[in-house]
Amino acid sequence: MAEVDVFAALANPVRRKLLETLQSGPRAAGELAGEFELSRPAVSEHLAVLRSARLVREEPRGRHRYYHLEASPLAEVGEWLHPFERYWRARMTALRDLLDEENP
């Protein structure tokens, strides 16, 4: 599989949920699949996309494969989102100020 863009990998809610689940630590593929109403092969395909985007790494342990979160590629997303965060913070501050003026 060719390398996948981080933004493309994050576009799918199942993949985002997989990353959220891995925040608490490595999990076996079968255990991850149990979190979803999807087939194991479908979850495996999502994990392959995350691997290709370098958002997870796979560790074989005997017959099982454990997945670990690799959060460093998310820095690119954070950098992209930062200007929007400032924008919304300024908008919310302006709204709060307006509401404070109307309801002293």
N, C-alpha and C. Protein backbone atom coordinates (compact mmCIF):
# COMPACT_ATOMS: atom_id res chain seq x y z
N MET A 1 0.85 -1.18 0.00
CA MET A 1 0.00 0.00 0.00
C MET A 1 0.89 1.24 0.00
N ALA A 2 0.58 2.19 -0.86
CA ALA A 2 1.34 3.44 -0.93
C ALA A 2 1.11 4.24 0.35
N GLU A 3 2.06 5.12 0.65
CA GLU A 3 1.91 5.95 1.85
C GLU A 3 0.65 6.80 1.73
N VAL A 4 -0.09 6.87 2.83
CA VAL A 4 -1.36 7.61 2.87
C VAL A 4 -1.13 8.91 3.61
N ASP A 5 -1.73 9.97 3.12
CA ASP A 5 -1.68 11.28 3.76
C ASP A 5 -2.38 11.20 5.12
N VAL A 6 -1.82 11.86 6.12
CA VAL A 6 -2.39 11.86 7.47
C VAL A 6 -3.82 12.38 7.46
N PHE A 7 -4.07 13.44 6.70
CA PHE A 7 -5.42 14.01 6.64
C PHE A 7 -6.41 13.02 6.04
N ALA A 8 -5.99 12.29 5.02
CA ALA A 8 -6.86 11.28 4.40
C ALA A 8 -7.15 10.16 5.39
N ALA A 9 -6.14 9.77 6.16
CA ALA A 9 -6.35 8.70 7.15
C ALA A 9 -7.32 9.14 8.23
N LEU A 10 -7.25 10.41 8.63
CA LEU A 10 -8.12 10.91 9.69
C LEU A 10 -9.53 11.24 9.21
N ALA A 11 -9.74 11.21 7.91
CA ALA A 11 -11.05 11.57 7.36
C ALA A 11 -12.13 10.56 7.74
N ASN A 12 -11.73 9.35 8.10
CA ASN A 12 -12.70 8.30 8.40
C ASN A 12 -12.94 8.20 9.90
N PRO A 13 -14.21 8.20 10.34
CA PRO A 13 -14.49 8.14 11.79
C PRO A 13 -14.04 6.85 12.46
N VAL A 14 -14.02 5.74 11.73
CA VAL A 14 -13.55 4.49 12.32
C VAL A 14 -12.07 4.60 12.64
N ARG A 15 -11.30 5.18 11.74
CA ARG A 15 -9.87 5.32 11.97
C ARG A 15 -9.60 6.30 13.12
N ARG A 16 -10.39 7.36 13.21
CA ARG A 16 -10.23 8.28 14.35
C ARG A 16 -10.52 7.57 15.66
N LYS A 17 -11.55 6.74 15.69
CA LYS A 17 -11.90 5.99 16.89
C LYS A 17 -10.80 4.98 17.24
N LEU A 18 -10.21 4.36 16.25
CA LEU A 18 -9.09 3.45 16.51
C LEU A 18 -7.94 4.19 17.18
N LEU A 19 -7.63 5.38 16.69
CA LEU A 19 -6.55 6.16 17.30
C LEU A 19 -6.91 6.55 18.72
N GLU A 20 -8.16 6.95 18.95
CA GLU A 20 -8.59 7.29 20.31
C GLU A 20 -8.44 6.09 21.24
N THR A 21 -8.80 4.93 20.76
CA THR A 21 -8.70 3.71 21.56
C THR A 21 -7.26 3.40 21.90
N LEU A 22 -6.35 3.65 20.98
CA LEU A 22 -4.94 3.34 21.20
C LEU A 22 -4.24 4.34 22.12
N GLN A 23 -4.90 5.43 22.46
CA GLN A 23 -4.30 6.39 23.39
C GLN A 23 -4.00 5.76 24.74
N SER A 24 -4.80 4.78 25.13
CA SER A 24 -4.63 4.16 26.45
C SER A 24 -3.54 3.08 26.44
N GLY A 25 -2.98 2.79 25.27
CA GLY A 25 -1.91 1.81 25.19
C GLY A 25 -2.12 0.83 24.05
N PRO A 26 -1.11 0.00 23.80
CA PRO A 26 -1.19 -0.97 22.69
C PRO A 26 -2.36 -1.94 22.89
N ARG A 27 -2.94 -2.33 21.78
CA ARG A 27 -4.06 -3.28 21.81
C ARG A 27 -3.88 -4.29 20.69
N ALA A 28 -4.34 -5.50 20.94
CA ALA A 28 -4.31 -6.54 19.92
C ALA A 28 -5.35 -6.24 18.85
N ALA A 29 -5.07 -6.66 17.64
CA ALA A 29 -5.98 -6.42 16.52
C ALA A 29 -7.37 -6.96 16.80
N GLY A 30 -7.45 -8.17 17.34
CA GLY A 30 -8.75 -8.77 17.65
C GLY A 30 -9.51 -7.98 18.69
N GLU A 31 -8.80 -7.46 19.66
CA GLU A 31 -9.42 -6.64 20.71
C GLU A 31 -9.96 -5.34 20.10
N LEU A 32 -9.18 -4.75 19.22
CA LEU A 32 -9.64 -3.53 18.54
C LEU A 32 -10.88 -3.81 17.71
N ALA A 33 -10.87 -4.92 17.00
CA ALA A 33 -12.02 -5.27 16.15
C ALA A 33 -13.28 -5.42 16.98
N GLY A 34 -13.15 -5.89 18.22
CA GLY A 34 -14.30 -6.07 19.09
C GLY A 34 -14.97 -4.77 19.50
N GLU A 35 -14.30 -3.65 19.28
CA GLU A 35 -14.84 -2.33 19.63
C GLU A 35 -15.81 -1.81 18.57
N PHE A 36 -15.90 -2.48 17.44
CA PHE A 36 -16.68 -1.97 16.31
C PHE A 36 -17.69 -2.99 15.82
N GLU A 37 -18.71 -2.50 15.19
CA GLU A 37 -19.70 -3.37 14.55
C GLU A 37 -19.29 -3.59 13.09
N LEU A 38 -18.03 -3.92 12.91
CA LEU A 38 -17.45 -4.19 11.59
C LEU A 38 -16.80 -5.56 11.65
N SER A 39 -16.58 -6.13 10.49
CA SER A 39 -15.86 -7.40 10.45
C SER A 39 -14.39 -7.16 10.78
N ARG A 40 -13.72 -8.22 11.21
CA ARG A 40 -12.29 -8.11 11.49
C ARG A 40 -11.50 -7.68 10.25
N PRO A 41 -11.82 -8.23 9.07
CA PRO A 41 -11.09 -7.77 7.88
C PRO A 41 -11.28 -6.28 7.61
N ALA A 42 -12.48 -5.76 7.88
CA ALA A 42 -12.73 -4.33 7.66
C ALA A 42 -11.88 -3.50 8.62
N VAL A 43 -11.82 -3.90 9.89
CA VAL A 43 -10.98 -3.19 10.86
C VAL A 43 -9.51 -3.31 10.46
N SER A 44 -9.11 -4.47 9.98
CA SER A 44 -7.73 -4.66 9.53
C SER A 44 -7.39 -3.71 8.38
N GLU A 45 -8.33 -3.49 7.49
CA GLU A 45 -8.09 -2.54 6.38
C GLU A 45 -7.89 -1.13 6.93
N HIS A 46 -8.69 -0.75 7.92
CA HIS A 46 -8.52 0.59 8.52
C HIS A 46 -7.16 0.70 9.22
N LEU A 47 -6.75 -0.37 9.90
CA LEU A 47 -5.44 -0.37 10.55
C LEU A 47 -4.32 -0.28 9.52
N ALA A 48 -4.51 -0.90 8.37
CA ALA A 48 -3.50 -0.82 7.30
C ALA A 48 -3.36 0.61 6.80
N VAL A 49 -4.47 1.32 6.69
CA VAL A 49 -4.42 2.73 6.27
C VAL A 49 -3.67 3.54 7.32
N LEU A 50 -3.98 3.31 8.59
CA LEU A 50 -3.28 4.04 9.66
C LEU A 50 -1.79 3.71 9.68
N ARG A 51 -1.45 2.45 9.41
CA ARG A 51 -0.03 2.07 9.31
C ARG A 51 0.64 2.81 8.17
N SER A 52 -0.04 2.87 7.05
CA SER A 52 0.51 3.53 5.87
C SER A 52 0.72 5.02 6.10
N ALA A 53 -0.12 5.62 6.93
CA ALA A 53 0.02 7.04 7.28
C ALA A 53 0.99 7.24 8.44
N ARG A 54 1.57 6.13 8.91
CA ARG A 54 2.52 6.13 10.02
C ARG A 54 1.91 6.63 11.33
N LEU A 55 0.59 6.44 11.48
CA LEU A 55 -0.09 6.82 12.71
C LEU A 55 -0.13 5.69 13.73
N VAL A 56 0.10 4.47 13.28
CA VAL A 56 0.22 3.32 14.18
C VAL A 56 1.37 2.47 13.71
N ARG A 57 1.90 1.69 14.63
CA ARG A 57 2.89 0.68 14.25
C ARG A 57 2.40 -0.65 14.76
N GLU A 58 2.79 -1.66 14.05
CA GLU A 58 2.34 -3.02 14.34
C GLU A 58 3.49 -3.80 14.99
N GLU A 59 3.15 -4.55 16.03
CA GLU A 59 4.15 -5.37 16.72
C GLU A 59 3.62 -6.81 16.79
N PRO A 60 4.25 -7.72 16.05
CA PRO A 60 3.83 -9.12 16.15
C PRO A 60 4.27 -9.71 17.49
N ARG A 61 3.33 -10.39 18.16
CA ARG A 61 3.64 -11.12 19.40
C ARG A 61 2.99 -12.48 19.28
N GLY A 62 3.79 -13.45 18.92
CA GLY A 62 3.24 -14.80 18.68
C GLY A 62 2.25 -14.75 17.54
N ARG A 63 1.03 -15.24 17.80
CA ARG A 63 -0.01 -15.25 16.76
C ARG A 63 -0.78 -13.95 16.68
N HIS A 64 -0.52 -13.02 17.59
CA HIS A 64 -1.28 -11.77 17.65
C HIS A 64 -0.45 -10.60 17.13
N ARG A 65 -1.17 -9.59 16.69
CA ARG A 65 -0.52 -8.35 16.26
C ARG A 65 -1.05 -7.24 17.15
N TYR A 66 -0.11 -6.54 17.77
CA TYR A 66 -0.47 -5.43 18.65
C TYR A 66 -0.19 -4.13 17.91
N TYR A 67 -1.07 -3.18 18.13
CA TYR A 67 -0.95 -1.88 17.48
C TYR A 67 -0.66 -0.82 18.52
N HIS A 68 0.28 0.05 18.18
CA HIS A 68 0.71 1.14 19.04
C HIS A 68 0.43 2.47 18.33
N LEU A 69 -0.02 3.45 19.07
CA LEU A 69 -0.23 4.79 18.53
C LEU A 69 1.11 5.44 18.27
N GLU A 70 1.26 6.05 17.12
CA GLU A 70 2.43 6.84 16.75
C GLU A 70 1.92 8.25 16.48
N ALA A 71 1.93 9.10 17.48
CA ALA A 71 1.26 10.39 17.40
C ALA A 71 2.05 11.48 16.67
N SER A 72 3.33 11.27 16.41
CA SER A 72 4.13 12.35 15.83
C SER A 72 3.58 12.89 14.50
N PRO A 73 3.01 12.07 13.61
CA PRO A 73 2.45 12.66 12.38
C PRO A 73 1.27 13.60 12.64
N LEU A 74 0.67 13.50 13.83
CA LEU A 74 -0.46 14.39 14.15
C LEU A 74 0.00 15.82 14.37
N ALA A 75 1.30 16.04 14.56
CA ALA A 75 1.81 17.41 14.70
C ALA A 75 1.49 18.23 13.46
N GLU A 76 1.55 17.61 12.29
CA GLU A 76 1.21 18.30 11.04
C GLU A 76 -0.23 18.79 11.07
N VAL A 77 -1.12 17.97 11.61
CA VAL A 77 -2.53 18.35 11.72
C VAL A 77 -2.68 19.50 12.71
N GLY A 78 -1.98 19.40 13.83
CA GLY A 78 -2.03 20.47 14.83
C GLY A 78 -1.55 21.80 14.28
N GLU A 79 -0.47 21.76 13.51
CA GLU A 79 0.05 22.99 12.90
C GLU A 79 -0.97 23.58 11.93
N TRP A 80 -1.63 22.73 11.18
CA TRP A 80 -2.62 23.20 10.22
C TRP A 80 -3.83 23.80 10.94
N LEU A 81 -4.23 23.19 12.04
CA LEU A 81 -5.41 23.64 12.77
C LEU A 81 -5.17 24.88 13.63
N HIS A 82 -3.93 25.15 13.96
CA HIS A 82 -3.63 26.25 14.88
C HIS A 82 -4.25 27.60 14.48
N PRO A 83 -4.15 28.04 13.23
CA PRO A 83 -4.78 29.32 12.87
C PRO A 83 -6.29 29.31 13.08
N PHE A 84 -6.91 28.18 12.86
CA PHE A 84 -8.37 28.08 13.05
C PHE A 84 -8.72 28.16 14.53
N GLU A 85 -7.87 27.60 15.35
CA GLU A 85 -8.08 27.67 16.80
C GLU A 85 -8.05 29.13 17.25
N ARG A 86 -7.07 29.88 16.78
CA ARG A 86 -7.00 31.31 17.13
C ARG A 86 -8.23 32.05 16.64
N TYR A 87 -8.67 31.72 15.43
CA TYR A 87 -9.86 32.36 14.85
C TYR A 87 -11.07 32.13 15.75
N TRP A 88 -11.32 30.87 16.12
CA TRP A 88 -12.50 30.57 16.92
C TRP A 88 -12.38 31.10 18.34
N ARG A 89 -11.19 31.13 18.89
CA ARG A 89 -11.01 31.71 20.22
C ARG A 89 -11.36 33.19 20.18
N ALA A 90 -10.92 33.90 19.15
CA ALA A 90 -11.24 35.32 19.01
C ALA A 90 -12.74 35.52 18.83
N ARG A 91 -13.37 34.66 18.04
CA ARG A 91 -14.82 34.76 17.84
C ARG A 91 -15.59 34.54 19.14
N MET A 92 -15.19 33.54 19.91
CA MET A 92 -15.86 33.24 21.17
C MET A 92 -15.65 34.36 22.19
N THR A 93 -14.46 34.96 22.19
CA THR A 93 -14.20 36.09 23.09
C THR A 93 -15.09 37.26 22.71
N ALA A 94 -15.22 37.54 21.42
CA ALA A 94 -16.09 38.62 20.96
C ALA A 94 -17.54 38.36 21.35
N LEU A 95 -17.98 37.14 21.22
CA LEU A 95 -19.35 36.78 21.61
C LEU A 95 -19.55 36.96 23.11
N ARG A 96 -18.59 36.49 23.91
CA ARG A 96 -18.69 36.65 25.36
C ARG A 96 -18.74 38.12 25.73
N ASP A 97 -17.91 38.95 25.10
CA ASP A 97 -17.91 40.39 25.38
C ASP A 97 -19.25 41.01 25.04
N LEU A 98 -19.82 40.63 23.90
CA LEU A 98 -21.13 41.14 23.49
C LEU A 98 -22.22 40.74 24.48
N LEU A 99 -22.21 39.50 24.91
CA LEU A 99 -23.19 39.03 25.89
C LEU A 99 -23.01 39.73 27.24
N ASP A 100 -21.78 39.98 27.63
CA ASP A 100 -21.54 40.71 28.88
C ASP A 100 -22.05 42.13 28.80
N GLU A 101 -21.95 42.76 27.64
CA GLU A 101 -22.46 44.12 27.45
C GLU A 101 -23.98 44.15 27.54
N GLU A 102 -24.63 43.14 26.97
CA GLU A 102 -26.10 43.10 26.94
C GLU A 102 -26.68 42.66 28.28
N ASN A 103 -25.94 41.88 29.04
CA ASN A 103 -26.43 41.38 30.33
C ASN A 103 -25.42 41.70 31.42
N PRO A 104 -25.39 42.97 31.84
CA PRO A 104 -24.39 43.35 32.84
C PRO A 104 -24.62 42.71 34.19
